[in-house]
Every structure is written in structure tokens, then in C-alpha cells.
């Protein structure tokens, strides 16, 4: 067993520290960038920054996922049904249902994958 503190390592953010979520990742022109903030056997929390017009194509995942928009506007398609999100809003994408994400403006989101 490692003596490394639980708050260190590439898949953890510091514990007990107030962080400004939307400043944890910068926009990049014409791209989608991501950073895993927490990864455990039961969940993963990842922040994404999308330039306007960038998209994750339709796919499915074996787990429920929660999208929390931090900045900008996005369209999340769930089983073909569009849901417009603005900063501060969130939507649950159910397991095994096709979904996609498109940035209407530059946008940042937290994605929480729930494995249990």
C-alpha cells in the first residue's frame, strides 16, 4: 500500500481546498480538452472545455452520467431528444441510451460518471 496521501496523484484534486471549477481547464481554439479531476472504482469526474461547434458524437455508456454546464451553452441529445443547457444547469444521461454533446458557444462542463 502506498504512503502517498489520498489527495495526491494524477486522478485526484486536492482535498479540503476551494477550487474555481471553470478555471481548472482552459479553452483551446477548435478543440475539446479534458482533465480528470477524480477517478475511483465507483465514479469519475472530468472537466471538459469545448470550443464553439465542437461535439462528442452520439454514443452510449454503460453507466449513468451527469452533465453540469459551468460556462456557455450546449445541446445534449439524449435518445434523439435535444436538451439545451446554459451555465448552471445540469442533465442526467441514463445508461445505455444514445447521447451526444454539441457546444453552441465555447463551453465548459463537469461530467460525472456513476458506476454504481
Protein backbone atom coordinates (compact mmCIF):
# COMPACT_ATOMS: atom_id res chain seq x y z
CA UNK A 1 0.00 0.00 0.00
CA UNK A 2 1.27 3.43 -0.90
CA UNK A 3 2.06 6.07 1.69
CA UNK A 4 1.02 8.72 -0.80
CA UNK A 5 -1.77 10.97 0.56
CA UNK A 6 -5.23 10.34 -0.88
CA UNK A 7 -5.32 13.91 -2.18
CA UNK A 8 -2.32 13.50 -4.45
CA UNK A 9 -1.82 11.68 -7.71
CA UNK A 10 -3.00 12.28 -11.26
CA UNK A 11 -6.64 11.33 -10.61
CA UNK A 12 -7.42 13.48 -7.58
CA UNK A 13 -7.88 17.16 -6.91
CA UNK A 14 -6.64 18.46 -3.56
CA UNK A 15 -8.93 17.68 -0.65
CA UNK A 16 -10.19 20.50 1.57
CA UNK A 17 -9.28 23.20 -0.94
CA UNK A 18 -11.80 25.56 -2.55
CA UNK A 19 -11.32 25.49 -6.31
CA UNK A 20 -12.95 27.52 -9.07
CA UNK A 21 -14.19 24.69 -11.29
CA UNK A 22 -14.34 26.63 -14.55
CA UNK A 23 -10.70 27.75 -14.17
CA UNK A 24 -9.32 24.22 -13.87
CA UNK A 25 -9.12 23.92 -17.66
CA UNK A 26 -8.54 26.47 -20.44
CA UNK A 27 -10.27 26.66 -23.81
CA UNK A 28 -8.28 25.71 -26.91
CA UNK A 29 -9.26 27.01 -30.33
CA UNK A 30 -11.01 24.40 -32.47
CA UNK A 31 -10.68 21.67 -29.86
CA UNK A 32 -12.15 19.74 -26.96
CA UNK A 33 -9.86 19.37 -23.97
CA UNK A 34 -10.44 17.42 -20.77
CA UNK A 35 -8.94 16.81 -17.35
CA UNK A 36 -9.89 14.02 -14.97
CA UNK A 37 -10.42 15.50 -11.51
CA UNK A 38 -11.37 12.36 -9.58
CA UNK A 39 -11.28 8.70 -10.56
CA UNK A 40 -12.39 5.95 -8.21
CA UNK A 41 -13.78 2.45 -8.74
CA UNK A 42 -17.34 3.85 -8.48
CA UNK A 43 -17.13 7.22 -10.25
CA UNK A 44 -15.14 9.53 -12.46
CA UNK A 45 -15.43 13.32 -12.56
CA UNK A 46 -13.97 15.00 -15.62
CA UNK A 47 -13.99 18.65 -16.68
CA UNK A 48 -14.27 19.41 -20.39
CA UNK A 49 -13.73 22.63 -22.35
CA UNK A 50 -15.26 22.73 -25.86
CA UNK A 51 -14.69 25.44 -28.42
CA UNK A 52 -17.91 26.57 -30.16
CA UNK A 53 -19.15 23.97 -32.65
CA UNK A 54 -17.11 21.10 -31.20
CA UNK A 55 -19.04 17.93 -30.42
CA UNK A 56 -18.90 14.45 -28.95
CA UNK A 57 -20.72 12.26 -31.46
CA UNK A 58 -23.61 10.04 -30.44
CA UNK A 59 -22.56 7.09 -28.32
CA UNK A 60 -23.74 5.02 -25.36
CA UNK A 61 -22.15 4.35 -21.99
CA UNK A 62 -22.86 1.51 -19.56
CA UNK A 63 -23.32 3.97 -16.65
CA UNK A 64 -25.49 6.95 -15.80
CA UNK A 65 -23.70 10.25 -16.38
CA UNK A 66 -24.48 13.71 -15.05
CA UNK A 67 -23.54 16.75 -17.17
CA UNK A 68 -23.26 20.04 -15.25
CA UNK A 69 -22.65 23.02 -17.53
CA UNK A 70 -20.25 25.52 -15.95
CA UNK A 71 -19.97 28.07 -18.76
CA UNK A 72 -21.56 28.75 -22.13
CA UNK A 73 -24.35 26.87 -23.90
CA UNK A 74 -24.57 23.29 -25.12
CA UNK A 75 -27.05 20.96 -26.72
CA UNK A 76 -27.16 17.49 -25.21
CA UNK A 77 -29.06 14.95 -27.27
CA UNK A 78 -30.50 12.03 -25.29
CA UNK A 79 -32.12 9.27 -27.35
CA UNK A 80 -32.54 11.79 -30.18
CA UNK A 81 -34.21 14.41 -27.96
CA UNK A 82 -32.31 17.74 -27.77
CA UNK A 83 -31.85 19.41 -24.38
CA UNK A 84 -30.43 22.96 -24.38
CA UNK A 85 -28.22 23.65 -21.37
CA UNK A 86 -26.97 27.01 -20.11
CA UNK A 87 -24.34 27.69 -17.45
CA UNK A 88 -25.51 26.40 -14.08
CA UNK A 89 -27.87 23.77 -15.49
CA UNK A 90 -27.44 20.01 -15.45
CA UNK A 91 -28.93 16.94 -17.08
CA UNK A 92 -28.78 13.22 -16.36
CA UNK A 93 -27.89 10.96 -19.28
CA UNK A 94 -29.15 7.44 -18.49
CA UNK A 95 -27.01 4.35 -19.00
CA UNK A 96 -27.24 2.53 -22.35
CA UNK A 97 -29.21 5.35 -24.02
CA UNK A 98 -27.57 7.09 -27.02
CA UNK A 99 -26.40 10.63 -26.26
CA UNK A 100 -24.26 13.37 -27.80
CA UNK A 101 -22.95 16.80 -26.76
CA UNK A 102 -22.52 19.85 -29.01
CA UNK A 103 -21.11 23.22 -27.90
CA UNK A 104 -23.35 26.07 -29.09
CA UNK A 105 -20.81 28.55 -27.69
CA UNK A 106 -17.46 27.91 -26.05
CA UNK A 107 -18.50 25.88 -23.02
CA UNK A 108 -17.17 24.01 -20.02
CA UNK A 109 -18.87 21.09 -18.30
CA UNK A 110 -18.31 18.69 -15.47
CA UNK A 111 -19.12 15.10 -16.38
CA UNK A 112 -19.76 12.71 -13.50
CA UNK A 113 -19.84 9.03 -14.44
CA UNK A 114 -21.69 6.95 -11.84
CA UNK A 115 -20.56 3.33 -11.88
CA UNK A 116 -22.72 2.07 -9.04
